[in-house]
């Protein structure tokens, strides 16, 4: 029925997106969802990845603004505030030790 209403659009989990025109295969992403249903702070230790991967914060419901940011390595410990949800994605570590070449 939705295809009849919006024939040139694709629907993804209740979000309507414009087709990009770029043809490529989909990819996989490893996501980590942390939910603290308690009233108080809970310490959390990041799940293991490889040395070349890091966890990047995408969503933090404790923040009023949509400015969730943060990069964490495997084994990093942080506090999750009460009644909050955090969403992380595992991605390749950004190598900042290399100097630019001229």
N, C-alpha and C. Protein backbone atom coordinates (compact mmCIF):
# COMPACT_ATOMS: atom_id res chain seq x y z
N UNK A 1 0.81 -1.19 0.00
CA UNK A 1 0.00 0.00 0.00
C UNK A 1 0.86 1.26 0.00
N UNK A 2 1.95 1.27 0.79
CA UNK A 2 2.84 2.42 0.83
C UNK A 2 3.51 2.65 -0.52
N UNK A 3 3.77 1.57 -1.26
CA UNK A 3 4.37 1.69 -2.59
C UNK A 3 3.44 2.41 -3.56
N UNK A 4 2.14 2.28 -3.36
CA UNK A 4 1.18 2.97 -4.20
C UNK A 4 1.20 4.48 -3.93
N UNK A 5 1.40 4.84 -2.69
CA UNK A 5 1.41 6.25 -2.30
C UNK A 5 2.73 6.91 -2.69
N UNK A 6 3.83 6.23 -2.43
CA UNK A 6 5.16 6.77 -2.68
C UNK A 6 5.93 5.84 -3.60
N UNK A 7 5.60 5.78 -4.89
CA UNK A 7 6.20 4.78 -5.77
C UNK A 7 7.69 4.97 -6.02
N UNK A 8 8.25 6.15 -5.87
CA UNK A 8 9.66 6.38 -6.18
C UNK A 8 10.52 6.48 -4.93
N UNK A 9 10.01 6.08 -3.80
CA UNK A 9 10.76 6.14 -2.55
C UNK A 9 10.83 4.75 -1.94
N UNK A 10 11.84 4.58 -1.12
CA UNK A 10 11.98 3.33 -0.36
C UNK A 10 11.67 3.61 1.09
N UNK A 11 11.08 2.66 1.80
CA UNK A 11 10.78 2.83 3.20
C UNK A 11 11.71 1.93 4.00
N UNK A 12 12.37 2.53 5.01
CA UNK A 12 13.29 1.79 5.87
C UNK A 12 12.86 2.04 7.30
N UNK A 13 12.33 1.05 7.97
CA UNK A 13 11.91 1.12 9.36
C UNK A 13 11.18 2.42 9.69
N UNK A 14 10.11 2.69 9.00
CA UNK A 14 9.25 3.85 9.22
C UNK A 14 9.88 5.18 8.82
N UNK A 15 11.05 5.17 8.20
CA UNK A 15 11.66 6.39 7.69
C UNK A 15 11.58 6.35 6.17
N UNK A 16 11.19 7.43 5.55
CA UNK A 16 11.13 7.50 4.10
C UNK A 16 12.40 8.17 3.62
N UNK A 17 13.12 7.51 2.71
CA UNK A 17 14.38 8.04 2.21
C UNK A 17 14.31 8.16 0.70
N UNK A 18 14.98 9.17 0.19
CA UNK A 18 15.07 9.34 -1.25
C UNK A 18 16.07 8.34 -1.80
N UNK A 19 15.82 7.75 -2.96
CA UNK A 19 16.81 6.87 -3.56
C UNK A 19 18.05 7.68 -3.96
N UNK A 20 19.24 7.14 -3.68
CA UNK A 20 20.47 7.87 -3.94
C UNK A 20 20.94 7.74 -5.38
N UNK A 21 20.54 6.69 -6.06
CA UNK A 21 21.02 6.46 -7.41
C UNK A 21 22.35 5.73 -7.44
N UNK A 22 22.99 5.58 -6.30
CA UNK A 22 24.26 4.87 -6.23
C UNK A 22 23.96 3.39 -6.05
N UNK A 23 24.47 2.59 -6.97
CA UNK A 23 24.23 1.15 -6.90
C UNK A 23 25.44 0.50 -6.25
N UNK A 24 25.23 -0.06 -5.05
CA UNK A 24 26.28 -0.80 -4.37
C UNK A 24 25.63 -1.78 -3.41
N UNK A 25 26.37 -2.79 -3.07
CA UNK A 25 25.87 -3.79 -2.14
C UNK A 25 25.84 -3.20 -0.74
N UNK A 26 24.91 -3.66 0.06
CA UNK A 26 24.83 -3.22 1.45
C UNK A 26 26.01 -3.76 2.25
N UNK A 27 26.23 -3.18 3.37
CA UNK A 27 27.32 -3.61 4.23
C UNK A 27 26.81 -3.96 5.61
N UNK A 28 27.65 -4.58 6.37
CA UNK A 28 27.31 -4.94 7.74
C UNK A 28 27.98 -3.97 8.70
N UNK A 29 27.37 -3.79 9.84
CA UNK A 29 27.94 -2.98 10.91
C UNK A 29 27.69 -3.70 12.22
N UNK A 30 28.69 -3.66 13.09
CA UNK A 30 28.54 -4.22 14.42
C UNK A 30 28.10 -3.10 15.34
N UNK A 31 26.91 -3.26 15.93
CA UNK A 31 26.35 -2.25 16.83
C UNK A 31 26.32 -2.78 18.25
N UNK A 32 26.45 -1.87 19.19
CA UNK A 32 26.36 -2.20 20.61
C UNK A 32 25.33 -1.29 21.23
N UNK A 33 24.27 -1.86 21.80
CA UNK A 33 23.21 -1.10 22.43
C UNK A 33 23.32 -1.30 23.94
N UNK A 34 23.48 -0.20 24.67
CA UNK A 34 23.61 -0.24 26.13
C UNK A 34 22.38 0.44 26.72
N UNK A 35 21.65 -0.28 27.56
CA UNK A 35 20.45 0.26 28.19
C UNK A 35 20.61 0.17 29.70
N UNK A 36 20.44 1.31 30.38
CA UNK A 36 20.45 1.33 31.84
C UNK A 36 19.05 1.68 32.31
N UNK A 37 18.31 0.71 32.78
CA UNK A 37 16.96 0.91 33.27
C UNK A 37 16.90 1.30 34.73
N UNK A 38 18.04 1.34 35.39
CA UNK A 38 18.08 1.72 36.81
C UNK A 38 18.00 3.24 36.95
N UNK A 39 17.80 3.68 38.19
CA UNK A 39 17.74 5.11 38.48
C UNK A 39 19.13 5.73 38.63
N UNK A 40 20.12 4.90 38.90
CA UNK A 40 21.45 5.43 39.22
C UNK A 40 22.49 5.06 38.16
N UNK A 41 23.67 5.61 38.32
CA UNK A 41 24.79 5.38 37.40
C UNK A 41 25.26 3.93 37.48
N UNK A 42 25.57 3.35 36.32
CA UNK A 42 26.09 1.99 36.25
C UNK A 42 27.38 2.04 35.44
N UNK A 43 28.45 1.44 35.99
CA UNK A 43 29.71 1.37 35.26
C UNK A 43 29.62 0.28 34.20
N UNK A 44 30.16 0.57 33.01
CA UNK A 44 30.12 -0.35 31.88
C UNK A 44 31.51 -0.44 31.29
N UNK A 45 31.92 -1.65 30.89
CA UNK A 45 33.21 -1.86 30.23
C UNK A 45 32.94 -2.26 28.79
N UNK A 46 33.59 -1.54 27.87
CA UNK A 46 33.36 -1.77 26.43
C UNK A 46 33.71 -3.19 26.03
N UNK A 47 32.91 -3.74 25.13
CA UNK A 47 33.13 -5.08 24.61
C UNK A 47 34.43 -5.15 23.81
N UNK A 48 34.94 -6.35 23.66
CA UNK A 48 36.19 -6.55 22.95
C UNK A 48 36.00 -6.43 21.45
N UNK A 49 36.95 -5.79 20.83
CA UNK A 49 37.09 -5.73 19.38
C UNK A 49 38.54 -6.10 19.10
N UNK A 50 39.05 -5.72 17.97
CA UNK A 50 40.46 -5.94 17.69
C UNK A 50 41.22 -4.66 18.00
N UNK A 51 42.55 -4.74 17.99
CA UNK A 51 43.35 -3.55 18.25
C UNK A 51 43.17 -2.48 17.19
N UNK A 52 42.68 -2.87 16.02
CA UNK A 52 42.51 -1.91 14.94
C UNK A 52 41.09 -1.36 14.86
N UNK A 53 40.27 -1.65 15.89
CA UNK A 53 38.89 -1.20 15.89
C UNK A 53 38.59 -0.38 17.14
N UNK A 54 37.61 0.51 17.04
CA UNK A 54 37.18 1.32 18.17
C UNK A 54 35.66 1.49 18.12
N UNK A 55 35.08 1.76 19.28
CA UNK A 55 33.64 1.96 19.39
C UNK A 55 33.35 3.46 19.33
N UNK A 56 32.48 3.86 18.42
CA UNK A 56 32.10 5.27 18.27
C UNK A 56 30.66 5.45 18.72
N UNK A 57 30.45 6.41 19.60
CA UNK A 57 29.12 6.69 20.13
C UNK A 57 28.27 7.39 19.08
N UNK A 58 27.08 6.84 18.81
CA UNK A 58 26.15 7.41 17.84
C UNK A 58 24.98 8.12 18.52
N UNK A 59 24.44 7.50 19.58
CA UNK A 59 23.25 8.02 20.26
C UNK A 59 23.46 7.93 21.76
N UNK A 60 23.10 9.02 22.47
CA UNK A 60 23.10 9.04 23.93
C UNK A 60 21.85 9.78 24.35
N UNK A 61 20.86 9.07 24.89
CA UNK A 61 19.59 9.69 25.24
C UNK A 61 19.68 10.58 26.46
N UNK A 62 20.79 10.57 27.16
CA UNK A 62 20.97 11.43 28.32
C UNK A 62 21.30 12.86 27.92
N UNK A 63 21.75 13.06 26.70
CA UNK A 63 22.11 14.40 26.24
C UNK A 63 20.90 15.07 25.61
N UNK A 64 20.72 16.35 25.93
CA UNK A 64 19.57 17.08 25.38
C UNK A 64 19.77 17.39 23.91
N UNK A 65 20.97 17.71 23.52
CA UNK A 65 21.27 18.02 22.13
C UNK A 65 21.66 16.73 21.42
N UNK A 66 21.55 16.71 20.11
CA UNK A 66 21.94 15.55 19.32
C UNK A 66 23.42 15.66 18.96
N UNK A 67 24.26 15.71 19.99
CA UNK A 67 25.70 15.87 19.77
C UNK A 67 26.49 14.71 20.36
N UNK A 68 25.90 13.54 20.30
CA UNK A 68 26.58 12.36 20.86
C UNK A 68 27.90 12.15 20.13
N UNK A 69 28.95 12.12 20.88
CA UNK A 69 30.25 11.83 20.29
C UNK A 69 31.11 11.16 21.35
N UNK A 70 32.09 10.47 20.91
CA UNK A 70 32.99 9.78 21.81
C UNK A 70 33.54 8.55 21.13
N UNK A 71 34.78 8.26 21.43
CA UNK A 71 35.45 7.10 20.86
C UNK A 71 36.01 6.31 22.02
N UNK A 72 35.76 5.00 22.01
CA UNK A 72 36.18 4.15 23.11
C UNK A 72 36.89 2.92 22.57
N UNK A 73 37.89 2.45 23.29
CA UNK A 73 38.61 1.23 22.94
C UNK A 73 38.06 0.08 23.74
N UNK A 74 38.37 -1.14 23.34
CA UNK A 74 37.96 -2.33 24.09
C UNK A 74 38.51 -2.23 25.50
N UNK A 75 37.68 -2.53 26.46
CA UNK A 75 38.10 -2.51 27.86
C UNK A 75 37.96 -1.16 28.54
N UNK A 76 37.66 -0.09 27.79
CA UNK A 76 37.44 1.21 28.41
C UNK A 76 36.22 1.14 29.32
N UNK A 77 36.30 1.83 30.45
CA UNK A 77 35.21 1.84 31.42
C UNK A 77 34.61 3.23 31.47
N UNK A 78 33.28 3.29 31.51
CA UNK A 78 32.60 4.58 31.63
C UNK A 78 31.28 4.39 32.36
N UNK A 79 30.73 5.48 32.85
CA UNK A 79 29.47 5.42 33.57
C UNK A 79 28.29 5.69 32.65
N UNK A 80 27.28 4.86 32.77
CA UNK A 80 26.04 5.03 32.00
C UNK A 80 25.00 5.59 32.97
N UNK A 81 24.50 6.79 32.66
CA UNK A 81 23.54 7.43 33.54
C UNK A 81 22.23 6.66 33.61
N UNK A 82 21.50 6.88 34.69
CA UNK A 82 20.24 6.18 34.90
C UNK A 82 19.21 6.49 33.84
N UNK A 83 18.41 5.48 33.51
CA UNK A 83 17.32 5.61 32.54
C UNK A 83 17.81 6.16 31.20
N UNK A 84 18.88 5.58 30.68
CA UNK A 84 19.42 6.06 29.41
C UNK A 84 19.73 4.90 28.47
N UNK A 85 19.92 5.26 27.21
CA UNK A 85 20.24 4.31 26.16
C UNK A 85 21.41 4.87 25.37
N UNK A 86 22.39 4.03 25.07
CA UNK A 86 23.55 4.41 24.26
C UNK A 86 23.66 3.45 23.09
N UNK A 87 24.02 3.98 21.92
CA UNK A 87 24.23 3.16 20.74
C UNK A 87 25.61 3.45 20.19
N UNK A 88 26.40 2.39 20.00
CA UNK A 88 27.76 2.49 19.48
C UNK A 88 27.87 1.70 18.19
N UNK A 89 28.83 2.08 17.34
CA UNK A 89 29.16 1.32 16.15
C UNK A 89 30.65 1.01 16.21
N UNK A 90 31.01 -0.22 15.82
CA UNK A 90 32.41 -0.64 15.78
C UNK A 90 32.97 -0.28 14.41
N UNK A 91 34.07 0.47 14.41
CA UNK A 91 34.67 0.86 13.13
C UNK A 91 36.19 0.82 13.22
N UNK A 92 36.82 0.91 12.06
CA UNK A 92 38.28 0.88 12.00
C UNK A 92 38.85 2.07 12.75
N UNK A 93 39.90 1.83 13.51
CA UNK A 93 40.55 2.88 14.30
C UNK A 93 41.17 3.92 13.37
N UNK A 94 40.96 5.19 13.72
CA UNK A 94 41.57 6.28 12.97
C UNK A 94 43.02 6.41 13.41
N UNK A 95 43.95 6.28 12.48
CA UNK A 95 45.37 6.37 12.81
C UNK A 95 45.82 7.82 12.75
N UNK A 96 46.02 8.41 13.93
CA UNK A 96 46.44 9.81 14.00
C UNK A 96 47.94 9.95 14.14
N UNK A 97 48.67 8.83 14.19
CA UNK A 97 50.11 8.90 14.40
C UNK A 97 50.86 9.20 13.11
N UNK A 98 50.22 9.00 11.96
CA UNK A 98 50.89 9.25 10.69
C UNK A 98 50.91 10.75 10.39
N UNK A 99 52.04 11.22 9.93
CA UNK A 99 52.12 12.62 9.53
C UNK A 99 51.78 12.72 8.06
N UNK A 100 51.20 13.85 7.64
CA UNK A 100 50.83 13.99 6.22
C UNK A 100 52.06 13.99 5.33
N UNK A 101 51.92 13.38 4.17
CA UNK A 101 53.03 13.34 3.23
C UNK A 101 52.85 14.44 2.21
N UNK A 102 53.95 15.02 1.77
CA UNK A 102 53.90 16.10 0.78
C UNK A 102 54.40 15.64 -0.53
